[in-house]
Amino acid sequence: MTIRVLLLALSAATLWTASAQTSIAITNPLFIDDQVKCSSGQLCSGANISGWICGPQTSIAVFSKTQYPNAPAAGLYAAALGYEYGSGSIFQTLGATVQANTTYTLKVEVGARADYEFTGYKAALFAGNVELVEGHSATPVGGTFVIDTIVYSSGANPPQLGQPLQIYIKSEGYGQVNVAAVSLSAE
């Protein structure tokens, strides 16, 4: 009886280890590395976002309760993509590369301001500047954030094997998309 229990435990441990998720490092995934100086309760922004390549109409912002009613009193840091003059974007090349037989899960926390139009976005996982998968299905209600989960399975012999993974997020239209968090895991 003891050997049977030991074999079952060993079998379960092997299955768990085989499917363990690994977090992939992203620089400044919560957009809090840049300190923007502003008064509490006011919207303010800065030009650059550390760790990310920023397109036009993109900044780091500290949102107040006016934009997000559940924001902390000190403000809520997020990337602000797009404005009335056009779309914005962020891009980052990671230290990890595409591996065979691996499932990658990209999660993007997307927000819509309560006081400004949300016109949509695109979030994508690239490797070696080739798009692997994209998503744009999350539709937050004004003043809230929701998580979009985008999954890519590489297969046994992926064309981008060994190429660096890249994250790209872009607003659509002339509204604004806010991104509060980005994560990527591999299994």
C-alpha atoms as a PDB file:
ATOM      1  CA  MET A   1       0.000   0.000   0.000  1.00  0.00           C
ATOM      2  CA  THR A   2       2.817   2.452   0.831  1.00  0.00           C
ATOM      3  CA  ILE A   3       4.568   1.856  -2.508  1.00  0.00           C
ATOM      4  CA  ARG A   4       1.302   2.533  -4.360  1.00  0.00           C
ATOM      5  CA  VAL A   5       0.833   5.865  -2.529  1.00  0.00           C
ATOM      6  CA  LEU A   6       4.457   6.777  -3.237  1.00  0.00           C
ATOM      7  CA  LEU A   7       4.043   5.980  -6.961  1.00  0.00           C
ATOM      8  CA  LEU A   8       0.843   8.045  -7.142  1.00  0.00           C
ATOM      9  CA  ALA A   9       2.550  10.982  -5.434  1.00  0.00           C
ATOM     10  CA  LEU A  10       5.552  10.727  -7.753  1.00  0.00           C
ATOM     11  CA  SER A  11       3.252  10.569 -10.800  1.00  0.00           C
ATOM     12  CA  ALA A  12       1.313  13.648  -9.642  1.00  0.00           C
ATOM     13  CA  ALA A  13       4.549  15.570  -8.989  1.00  0.00           C
ATOM     14  CA  THR A  14       5.820  14.709 -12.473  1.00  0.00           C
ATOM     15  CA  LEU A  15       2.597  15.941 -14.089  1.00  0.00           C
ATOM     16  CA  TRP A  16       2.670  19.159 -12.045  1.00  0.00           C
ATOM     17  CA  THR A  17       6.311  19.843 -12.929  1.00  0.00           C
ATOM     18  CA  ALA A  18       5.696  19.219 -16.625  1.00  0.00           C
ATOM     19  CA  SER A  19       2.968  21.867 -16.738  1.00  0.00           C
ATOM     20  CA  ALA A  20       4.490  24.499 -14.436  1.00  0.00           C
ATOM     21  CA  GLN A  21       4.168  28.097 -15.593  1.00  0.00           C
ATOM     22  CA  THR A  22       7.205  30.355 -15.689  1.00  0.00           C
ATOM     23  CA  SER A  23       6.878  34.110 -15.510  1.00  0.00           C
ATOM     24  CA  ILE A  24       8.863  35.986 -18.187  1.00  0.00           C
ATOM     25  CA  ALA A  25      10.533  39.210 -17.037  1.00  0.00           C
ATOM     26  CA  ILE A  26       9.122  42.467 -18.385  1.00  0.00           C
ATOM     27  CA  THR A  27      10.714  45.823 -17.576  1.00  0.00           C
ATOM     28  CA  ASN A  28       8.267  48.155 -15.781  1.00  0.00           C
ATOM     29  CA  PRO A  29       5.169  45.930 -16.218  1.00  0.00           C
ATOM     30  CA  LEU A  30       3.081  48.023 -13.794  1.00  0.00           C
ATOM     31  CA  PHE A  31       4.233  51.405 -15.157  1.00  0.00           C
ATOM     32  CA  ILE A  32       5.362  52.574 -11.716  1.00  0.00           C
ATOM     33  CA  ASP A  33       9.094  53.041 -12.372  1.00  0.00           C
ATOM     34  CA  ASP A  34       8.593  56.656 -13.467  1.00  0.00           C
ATOM     35  CA  GLN A  35       7.605  59.116 -10.768  1.00  0.00           C
ATOM     36  CA  VAL A  36       5.318  61.807 -12.154  1.00  0.00           C
ATOM     37  CA  LYS A  37       4.932  64.856  -9.919  1.00  0.00           C
ATOM     38  CA  CYS A  38       1.378  66.053  -9.497  1.00  0.00           C
ATOM     39  CA  SER A  39      -1.125  66.927  -6.824  1.00  0.00           C
ATOM     40  CA  SER A  40      -3.294  64.175  -5.429  1.00  0.00           C
ATOM     41  CA  GLY A  41      -6.575  63.851  -7.288  1.00  0.00           C
ATOM     42  CA  GLN A  42      -5.360  65.463 -10.522  1.00  0.00           C
ATOM     43  CA  LEU A  43      -4.607  63.838 -13.870  1.00  0.00           C
ATOM     44  CA  CYS A  44      -0.981  64.372 -14.796  1.00  0.00           C
ATOM     45  CA  SER A  45       1.414  62.758 -17.210  1.00  0.00           C
ATOM     46  CA  GLY A  46       5.034  62.457 -18.264  1.00  0.00           C
ATOM     47  CA  ALA A  47       6.488  61.850 -21.713  1.00  0.00           C
ATOM     48  CA  ASN A  48       8.450  58.602 -21.357  1.00  0.00           C
ATOM     49  CA  ILE A  49       7.728  55.170 -19.951  1.00  0.00           C
ATOM     50  CA  SER A  50      10.867  53.430 -18.667  1.00  0.00           C
ATOM     51  CA  GLY A  51      11.582  50.102 -20.371  1.00  0.00           C
ATOM     52  CA  TRP A  52       9.157  50.709 -23.233  1.00  0.00           C
ATOM     53  CA  ILE A  53       9.564  52.224 -26.688  1.00  0.00           C
ATOM     54  CA  CYS A  54       6.730  54.738 -26.957  1.00  0.00           C
ATOM     55  CA  GLY A  55       4.955  55.838 -30.108  1.00  0.00           C
ATOM     56  CA  PRO A  56       3.405  59.279 -30.558  1.00  0.00           C
ATOM     57  CA  GLN A  57       0.450  60.235 -28.349  1.00  0.00           C
ATOM     58  CA  THR A  58       1.802  57.971 -25.569  1.00  0.00           C
ATOM     59  CA  SER A  59       2.728  58.842 -21.996  1.00  0.00           C
ATOM     60  CA  ILE A  60       2.802  57.640 -18.434  1.00  0.00           C
ATOM     61  CA  ALA A  61      -0.160  59.015 -16.494  1.00  0.00           C
ATOM     62  CA  VAL A  62      -1.322  59.177 -12.919  1.00  0.00           C
ATOM     63  CA  PHE A  63      -5.108  58.949 -12.976  1.00  0.00           C
ATOM     64  CA  SER A  64      -7.409  60.290 -10.299  1.00  0.00           C
ATOM     65  CA  LYS A  65     -10.870  59.276  -9.113  1.00  0.00           C
ATOM     66  CA  THR A  66     -12.301  61.440 -11.912  1.00  0.00           C
ATOM     67  CA  GLN A  67     -10.972  58.984 -14.505  1.00  0.00           C
ATOM     68  CA  TYR A  68     -11.145  55.824 -12.358  1.00  0.00           C
ATOM     69  CA  PRO A  69     -13.509  56.035  -9.355  1.00  0.00           C
ATOM     70  CA  ASN A  70     -11.682  53.185  -7.549  1.00  0.00           C
ATOM     71  CA  ALA A  71      -8.229  54.797  -7.966  1.00  0.00           C
ATOM     72  CA  PRO A  72      -6.242  55.215  -4.742  1.00  0.00           C
ATOM     73  CA  ALA A  73      -6.062  58.740  -3.296  1.00  0.00           C
ATOM     74  CA  ALA A  74      -2.412  59.023  -4.382  1.00  0.00           C
ATOM     75  CA  GLY A  75      -3.410  58.205  -7.972  1.00  0.00           C
ATOM     76  CA  LEU A  76      -3.249  55.232 -10.321  1.00  0.00           C
ATOM     77  CA  TYR A  77      -0.215  54.812 -12.600  1.00  0.00           C
ATOM     78  CA  ALA A  78      -0.881  53.536 -16.127  1.00  0.00           C
ATOM     79  CA  ALA A  79       0.308  53.918 -19.693  1.00  0.00           C
ATOM     80  CA  ALA A  80      -1.923  56.328 -21.631  1.00  0.00           C
ATOM     81  CA  LEU A  81      -2.099  55.329 -25.306  1.00  0.00           C
ATOM     82  CA  GLY A  82      -3.717  57.735 -27.746  1.00  0.00           C
ATOM     83  CA  TYR A  83      -5.506  61.020 -27.544  1.00  0.00           C
ATOM     84  CA  GLU A  84      -7.672  63.222 -29.735  1.00  0.00           C
ATOM     85  CA  TYR A  85      -4.837  63.635 -32.273  1.00  0.00           C
ATOM     86  CA  GLY A  86      -4.261  59.945 -32.967  1.00  0.00           C
ATOM     87  CA  SER A  87      -3.341  56.546 -31.623  1.00  0.00           C
ATOM     88  CA  GLY A  88      -0.474  55.676 -29.290  1.00  0.00           C
ATOM     89  CA  SER A  89       1.612  52.562 -28.693  1.00  0.00           C
ATOM     90  CA  ILE A  90       4.162  50.832 -26.473  1.00  0.00           C
ATOM     91  CA  PHE A  91       6.660  48.151 -27.471  1.00  0.00           C
ATOM     92  CA  GLN A  92       9.230  46.077 -25.576  1.00  0.00           C
ATOM     93  CA  THR A  93      11.707  43.377 -26.621  1.00  0.00           C
ATOM     94  CA  LEU A  94      12.174  40.798 -23.846  1.00  0.00           C
ATOM     95  CA  GLY A  95      15.174  38.720 -22.807  1.00  0.00           C
ATOM     96  CA  ALA A  96      13.281  35.453 -23.414  1.00  0.00           C
ATOM     97  CA  THR A  97      13.083  33.711 -26.776  1.00  0.00           C
ATOM     98  CA  VAL A  98      10.510  31.486 -28.508  1.00  0.00           C
ATOM     99  CA  GLN A  99      10.880  27.855 -27.454  1.00  0.00           C
ATOM    100  CA  ALA A 100       9.343  24.736 -29.004  1.00  0.00           C
ATOM    101  CA  ASN A 101       6.240  23.116 -27.490  1.00  0.00           C
ATOM    102  CA  THR A 102       5.534  26.093 -25.260  1.00  0.00           C
ATOM    103  CA  THR A 103       2.320  27.956 -24.546  1.00  0.00           C
ATOM    104  CA  TYR A 104       2.748  31.677 -23.913  1.00  0.00           C
ATOM    105  CA  THR A 105       0.059  33.643 -22.078  1.00  0.00           C
ATOM    106  CA  LEU A 106       0.086  37.425 -22.429  1.00  0.00           C
ATOM    107  CA  LYS A 107      -2.179  39.324 -20.035  1.00  0.00           C
ATOM    108  CA  VAL A 108      -2.903  43.009 -20.513  1.00  0.00           C
ATOM    109  CA  GLU A 109      -4.960  45.035 -18.018  1.00  0.00           C
ATOM    110  CA  VAL A 110      -6.810  47.500 -20.254  1.00  0.00           C
ATOM    111  CA  GLY A 111      -8.776  50.487 -18.973  1.00  0.00           C
ATOM    112  CA  ALA A 112     -11.303  53.000 -20.228  1.00  0.00           C
ATOM    113  CA  ARG A 113     -11.384  56.400 -18.559  1.00  0.00           C
ATOM    114  CA  ALA A 114     -14.728  57.549 -17.184  1.00  0.00           C
ATOM    115  CA  ASP A 115     -14.158  60.997 -18.712  1.00  0.00           C
ATOM    116  CA  TYR A 116     -12.829  60.138 -22.176  1.00  0.00           C
ATOM    117  CA  GLU A 117     -13.709  57.985 -25.167  1.00  0.00           C
ATOM    118  CA  PHE A 118     -12.400  54.403 -25.447  1.00  0.00           C
ATOM    119  CA  THR A 119     -12.042  53.412 -29.113  1.00  0.00           C
ATOM    120  CA  GLY A 120     -10.306  50.046 -28.832  1.00  0.00           C
ATOM    121  CA  TYR A 121      -6.809  48.601 -28.900  1.00  0.00           C
ATOM    122  CA  LYS A 122      -4.622  45.824 -30.203  1.00  0.00           C
ATOM    123  CA  ALA A 123      -2.261  43.816 -27.979  1.00  0.00           C
ATOM    124  CA  ALA A 124       0.154  41.433 -29.674  1.00  0.00           C
ATOM    125  CA  LEU A 125       2.997  39.042 -28.984  1.00  0.00           C
ATOM    126  CA  PHE A 126       5.797  39.183 -31.552  1.00  0.00           C
ATOM    127  CA  ALA A 127       9.057  37.283 -32.016  1.00  0.00           C
ATOM    128  CA  GLY A 128      11.836  38.629 -34.191  1.00  0.00           C
ATOM    129  CA  ASN A 129       9.463  41.401 -35.401  1.00  0.00           C
ATOM    130  CA  VAL A 130       6.898  38.839 -36.654  1.00  0.00           C
ATOM    131  CA  GLU A 131       3.431  38.866 -35.094  1.00  0.00           C
ATOM    132  CA  LEU A 132       2.624  35.542 -33.405  1.00  0.00           C
ATOM    133  CA  VAL A 133      -0.795  36.341 -31.958  1.00  0.00           C
ATOM    134  CA  GLU A 134      -2.940  39.365 -31.225  1.00  0.00           C
ATOM    135  CA  GLY A 135      -5.981  40.201 -29.172  1.00  0.00           C
ATOM    136  CA  HIS A 136      -8.424  43.030 -28.671  1.00  0.00           C
ATOM    137  CA  SER A 137     -11.449  41.442 -27.032  1.00  0.00           C
ATOM    138  CA  ALA A 138     -11.542  43.224 -23.660  1.00  0.00           C
ATOM    139  CA  THR A 139     -14.033  46.089 -23.553  1.00  0.00           C
ATOM    140  CA  PRO A 140     -13.907  47.908 -20.236  1.00  0.00           C
ATOM    141  CA  VAL A 141     -16.798  50.068 -19.091  1.00  0.00           C
ATOM    142  CA  GLY A 142     -15.824  53.713 -18.488  1.00  0.00           C
ATOM    143  CA  GLY A 143     -13.869  54.079 -15.247  1.00  0.00           C
ATOM    144  CA  THR A 144     -12.777  50.410 -15.073  1.00  0.00           C
ATOM    145  CA  PHE A 145     -10.026  48.010 -16.112  1.00  0.00           C
ATOM    146  CA  VAL A 146     -10.417  44.474 -17.483  1.00  0.00           C
ATOM    147  CA  ILE A 147      -7.839  41.818 -18.345  1.00  0.00           C
ATOM    148  CA  ASP A 148      -7.376  40.562 -21.885  1.00  0.00           C
ATOM    149  CA  THR A 149      -5.713  37.129 -22.050  1.00  0.00           C
ATOM    150  CA  ILE A 150      -3.941  36.276 -25.304  1.00  0.00           C
ATOM    151  CA  VAL A 151      -2.516  32.777 -25.816  1.00  0.00           C
ATOM    152  CA  TYR A 152       0.074  31.521 -28.316  1.00  0.00           C
ATOM    153  CA  SER A 153       1.186  27.867 -28.603  1.00  0.00           C
ATOM    154  CA  SER A 154       4.504  27.521 -30.431  1.00  0.00           C
ATOM    155  CA  GLY A 155       4.221  23.895 -31.573  1.00  0.00           C
ATOM    156  CA  ALA A 156       7.081  21.474 -32.186  1.00  0.00           C
ATOM    157  CA  ASN A 157       8.970  23.516 -34.782  1.00  0.00           C
ATOM    158  CA  PRO A 158       7.986  27.220 -34.617  1.00  0.00           C
ATOM    159  CA  PRO A 159       9.284  29.433 -37.464  1.00  0.00           C
ATOM    160  CA  GLN A 160      10.542  32.010 -34.928  1.00  0.00           C
ATOM    161  CA  LEU A 161      12.369  29.465 -32.739  1.00  0.00           C
ATOM    162  CA  GLY A 162      15.076  31.254 -30.744  1.00  0.00           C
ATOM    163  CA  GLN A 163      13.887  34.751 -31.716  1.00  0.00           C
ATOM    164  CA  PRO A 164      13.357  37.303 -28.902  1.00  0.00           C
ATOM    165  CA  LEU A 165       9.787  37.739 -27.670  1.00  0.00           C
ATOM    166  CA  GLN A 166       8.262  41.213 -28.022  1.00  0.00           C
ATOM    167  CA  ILE A 167       5.123  42.879 -26.665  1.00  0.00           C
ATOM    168  CA  TYR A 168       3.220  45.506 -28.645  1.00  0.00           C
ATOM    169  CA  ILE A 169       0.111  47.385 -27.493  1.00  0.00           C
ATOM    170  CA  LYS A 170      -1.603  50.065 -29.590  1.00  0.00           C
ATOM    171  CA  SER A 171      -4.719  52.191 -29.196  1.00  0.00           C
ATOM    172  CA  GLU A 172      -7.166  52.410 -32.075  1.00  0.00           C
ATOM    173  CA  GLY A 173      -8.871  55.551 -33.346  1.00  0.00           C
ATOM    174  CA  TYR A 174      -8.821  58.895 -31.570  1.00  0.00           C
ATOM    175  CA  GLY A 175      -9.796  57.837 -28.070  1.00  0.00           C
ATOM    176  CA  GLN A 176      -7.527  56.603 -25.319  1.00  0.00           C
ATOM    177  CA  VAL A 177      -6.614  53.201 -23.930  1.00  0.00           C
ATOM    178  CA  ASN A 178      -4.957  52.889 -20.535  1.00  0.00           C
ATOM    179  CA  VAL A 179      -2.761  49.934 -19.604  1.00  0.00           C
ATOM    180  CA  ALA A 180      -2.198  49.300 -15.888  1.00  0.00           C
ATOM    181  CA  ALA A 181      -0.321  45.979 -16.059  1.00  0.00           C
ATOM    182  CA  VAL A 182       1.282  43.564 -18.526  1.00  0.00           C
ATOM    183  CA  SER A 183       2.457  40.005 -17.813  1.00  0.00           C
ATOM    184  CA  LEU A 184       3.750  37.108 -19.878  1.00  0.00           C
ATOM    185  CA  SER A 185       4.142  33.500 -18.799  1.00  0.00           C
ATOM    186  CA  ALA A 186       5.371  30.330 -20.502  1.00  0.00           C
ATOM    187  CA  GLU A 187       4.220  26.781 -19.874  1.00  0.00           C
END
